[in-house]
Amino acid sequence: MDKKESLLKVKVYPNGPILVDGTVELTLADGTVIEKENPHFCRCGASKNKPYCDGSHVKIGFKD
């Protein structure tokens, strides 16, 4: 695999979540390690499914 193929792509949506394009290894606060495909991470702080986005940014009118 060359360097370009191994890079993850990250997109910050305006007034919304962060999308990671690819598979990531995520270590949770309790030490649990999981693999997640194409996760959308919360930026607004209102998600009830942290660290993932649940769409709460729309409900609370989050603006970045």
N, C-alpha and C. Protein backbone atom coordinates (compact mmCIF):
# COMPACT_ATOMS: atom_id res chain seq x y z
N MET A 1 0.85 -1.17 0.00
CA MET A 1 0.00 0.00 0.00
C MET A 1 0.90 1.24 0.00
N ASP A 2 0.65 2.16 -0.91
CA ASP A 2 1.46 3.38 -0.91
C ASP A 2 0.88 4.39 0.08
N LYS A 3 1.65 5.46 0.31
CA LYS A 3 1.27 6.45 1.33
C LYS A 3 -0.11 7.03 1.07
N LYS A 4 -0.42 7.36 -0.18
CA LYS A 4 -1.70 7.97 -0.50
C LYS A 4 -2.87 7.03 -0.18
N GLU A 5 -2.71 5.73 -0.43
CA GLU A 5 -3.77 4.77 -0.15
C GLU A 5 -4.01 4.59 1.35
N SER A 6 -3.00 4.84 2.16
CA SER A 6 -3.13 4.61 3.59
C SER A 6 -3.69 5.83 4.33
N LEU A 7 -3.84 6.96 3.65
CA LEU A 7 -4.36 8.15 4.31
C LEU A 7 -5.87 8.05 4.52
N LEU A 8 -6.32 8.44 5.70
CA LEU A 8 -7.75 8.55 5.95
C LEU A 8 -8.20 9.93 5.50
N LYS A 9 -9.41 10.01 5.02
CA LYS A 9 -9.98 11.30 4.66
C LYS A 9 -10.93 11.72 5.76
N VAL A 10 -10.83 12.99 6.17
CA VAL A 10 -11.68 13.53 7.22
C VAL A 10 -12.39 14.76 6.66
N LYS A 11 -13.72 14.79 6.82
CA LYS A 11 -14.50 15.92 6.34
C LYS A 11 -15.25 16.54 7.50
N VAL A 12 -15.11 17.84 7.66
CA VAL A 12 -15.86 18.58 8.67
C VAL A 12 -17.06 19.19 7.97
N TYR A 13 -18.25 18.73 8.33
CA TYR A 13 -19.46 19.27 7.73
C TYR A 13 -19.81 20.61 8.36
N PRO A 14 -20.17 21.60 7.56
CA PRO A 14 -20.58 22.89 8.12
C PRO A 14 -21.74 22.69 9.09
N ASN A 15 -21.59 23.22 10.29
CA ASN A 15 -22.63 23.15 11.32
C ASN A 15 -23.05 21.71 11.64
N GLY A 16 -22.15 20.76 11.43
CA GLY A 16 -22.49 19.36 11.65
C GLY A 16 -21.31 18.55 12.13
N PRO A 17 -21.36 17.25 11.89
CA PRO A 17 -20.36 16.34 12.44
C PRO A 17 -19.05 16.30 11.65
N ILE A 18 -18.14 15.50 12.15
CA ILE A 18 -16.88 15.19 11.47
C ILE A 18 -17.03 13.77 10.93
N LEU A 19 -16.81 13.59 9.63
CA LEU A 19 -16.87 12.27 9.02
C LEU A 19 -15.46 11.79 8.76
N VAL A 20 -15.15 10.57 9.21
CA VAL A 20 -13.88 9.94 8.89
C VAL A 20 -14.19 8.87 7.84
N ASP A 21 -13.57 8.99 6.67
CA ASP A 21 -13.81 8.07 5.57
C ASP A 21 -12.79 6.94 5.65
N GLY A 22 -13.22 5.80 6.13
CA GLY A 22 -12.35 4.64 6.28
C GLY A 22 -12.59 3.97 7.62
N THR A 23 -11.83 2.94 7.87
CA THR A 23 -11.95 2.19 9.13
C THR A 23 -10.97 2.75 10.14
N VAL A 24 -11.46 3.03 11.34
CA VAL A 24 -10.59 3.55 12.40
C VAL A 24 -10.64 2.62 13.61
N GLU A 25 -9.55 2.60 14.36
CA GLU A 25 -9.53 1.92 15.65
C GLU A 25 -9.76 2.99 16.69
N LEU A 26 -10.78 2.80 17.50
CA LEU A 26 -11.20 3.79 18.48
C LEU A 26 -11.06 3.21 19.88
N THR A 27 -10.36 3.92 20.75
CA THR A 27 -10.24 3.53 22.15
C THR A 27 -11.19 4.40 22.96
N LEU A 28 -12.19 3.78 23.57
CA LEU A 28 -13.17 4.49 24.37
C LEU A 28 -12.60 4.86 25.74
N ALA A 29 -13.30 5.72 26.45
CA ALA A 29 -12.84 6.19 27.75
C ALA A 29 -12.60 5.05 28.75
N ASP A 30 -13.37 3.97 28.62
CA ASP A 30 -13.20 2.84 29.54
C ASP A 30 -12.10 1.87 29.10
N GLY A 31 -11.40 2.21 28.00
CA GLY A 31 -10.31 1.38 27.52
C GLY A 31 -10.71 0.36 26.46
N THR A 32 -12.00 0.23 26.21
CA THR A 32 -12.48 -0.68 25.17
C THR A 32 -11.99 -0.20 23.81
N VAL A 33 -11.46 -1.12 23.01
CA VAL A 33 -10.99 -0.79 21.67
C VAL A 33 -11.92 -1.42 20.66
N ILE A 34 -12.44 -0.60 19.74
CA ILE A 34 -13.33 -1.10 18.69
C ILE A 34 -12.88 -0.57 17.34
N GLU A 35 -13.28 -1.26 16.30
CA GLU A 35 -13.08 -0.77 14.94
C GLU A 35 -14.41 -0.21 14.46
N LYS A 36 -14.35 0.92 13.80
CA LYS A 36 -15.57 1.56 13.31
C LYS A 36 -15.34 1.99 11.87
N GLU A 37 -16.29 1.68 11.01
CA GLU A 37 -16.21 2.04 9.59
C GLU A 37 -16.95 3.36 9.36
N ASN A 38 -16.26 4.33 8.77
CA ASN A 38 -16.83 5.62 8.38
C ASN A 38 -17.61 6.32 9.51
N PRO A 39 -17.00 6.48 10.67
CA PRO A 39 -17.73 7.10 11.78
C PRO A 39 -17.98 8.60 11.56
N HIS A 40 -19.11 9.04 12.06
CA HIS A 40 -19.45 10.46 12.11
C HIS A 40 -19.33 10.86 13.58
N PHE A 41 -18.40 11.75 13.89
CA PHE A 41 -18.17 12.17 15.26
C PHE A 41 -18.90 13.47 15.57
N CYS A 42 -19.47 13.55 16.77
CA CYS A 42 -20.19 14.73 17.23
C CYS A 42 -19.24 15.90 17.45
N ARG A 43 -19.66 17.09 17.01
CA ARG A 43 -18.92 18.32 17.33
C ARG A 43 -19.73 19.25 18.22
N CYS A 44 -21.04 19.05 18.30
CA CYS A 44 -21.88 20.01 19.01
C CYS A 44 -21.97 19.73 20.51
N GLY A 45 -21.68 18.51 20.91
CA GLY A 45 -21.75 18.14 22.32
C GLY A 45 -23.11 17.68 22.79
N ALA A 46 -24.12 17.72 21.92
CA ALA A 46 -25.48 17.37 22.33
C ALA A 46 -25.88 15.92 22.03
N SER A 47 -25.04 15.19 21.32
CA SER A 47 -25.39 13.81 20.95
C SER A 47 -25.60 12.95 22.19
N LYS A 48 -26.62 12.12 22.11
CA LYS A 48 -26.85 11.15 23.19
C LYS A 48 -26.12 9.84 22.89
N ASN A 49 -25.33 9.82 21.82
CA ASN A 49 -24.59 8.64 21.41
C ASN A 49 -23.10 8.97 21.24
N LYS A 50 -22.58 9.83 22.11
CA LYS A 50 -21.18 10.24 22.01
C LYS A 50 -20.24 9.04 22.04
N PRO A 51 -19.19 9.05 21.27
CA PRO A 51 -18.65 10.17 20.52
C PRO A 51 -19.25 10.35 19.13
N TYR A 52 -20.31 9.58 18.83
CA TYR A 52 -20.89 9.62 17.49
C TYR A 52 -22.01 10.65 17.39
N CYS A 53 -22.21 11.13 16.19
CA CYS A 53 -23.28 12.09 15.91
C CYS A 53 -24.61 11.35 15.85
N ASP A 54 -25.64 11.94 16.45
CA ASP A 54 -26.99 11.39 16.33
C ASP A 54 -27.96 12.39 15.70
N GLY A 55 -27.41 13.46 15.13
CA GLY A 55 -28.24 14.47 14.47
C GLY A 55 -28.70 15.58 15.39
N SER A 56 -28.29 15.55 16.64
CA SER A 56 -28.74 16.57 17.60
C SER A 56 -28.34 17.99 17.20
N HIS A 57 -27.29 18.13 16.40
CA HIS A 57 -26.83 19.46 15.99
C HIS A 57 -27.95 20.23 15.27
N VAL A 58 -28.80 19.52 14.54
CA VAL A 58 -29.90 20.17 13.84
C VAL A 58 -30.91 20.68 14.85
N LYS A 59 -31.26 19.83 15.80
CA LYS A 59 -32.28 20.16 16.81
C LYS A 59 -31.87 21.37 17.65
N ILE A 60 -30.58 21.47 18.00
CA ILE A 60 -30.13 22.57 18.87
C ILE A 60 -29.66 23.79 18.09
N GLY A 61 -29.64 23.69 16.75
CA GLY A 61 -29.22 24.84 15.93
C GLY A 61 -27.72 25.09 16.02
N PHE A 62 -26.92 24.03 16.11
CA PHE A 62 -25.47 24.18 16.23
C PHE A 62 -24.90 24.94 15.05
N LYS A 63 -24.04 25.89 15.33
CA LYS A 63 -23.31 26.66 14.31
C LYS A 63 -21.83 26.60 14.68
N ASP A 64 -20.99 26.32 13.67
CA ASP A 64 -19.57 26.26 13.95
C ASP A 64 -18.89 27.59 13.69
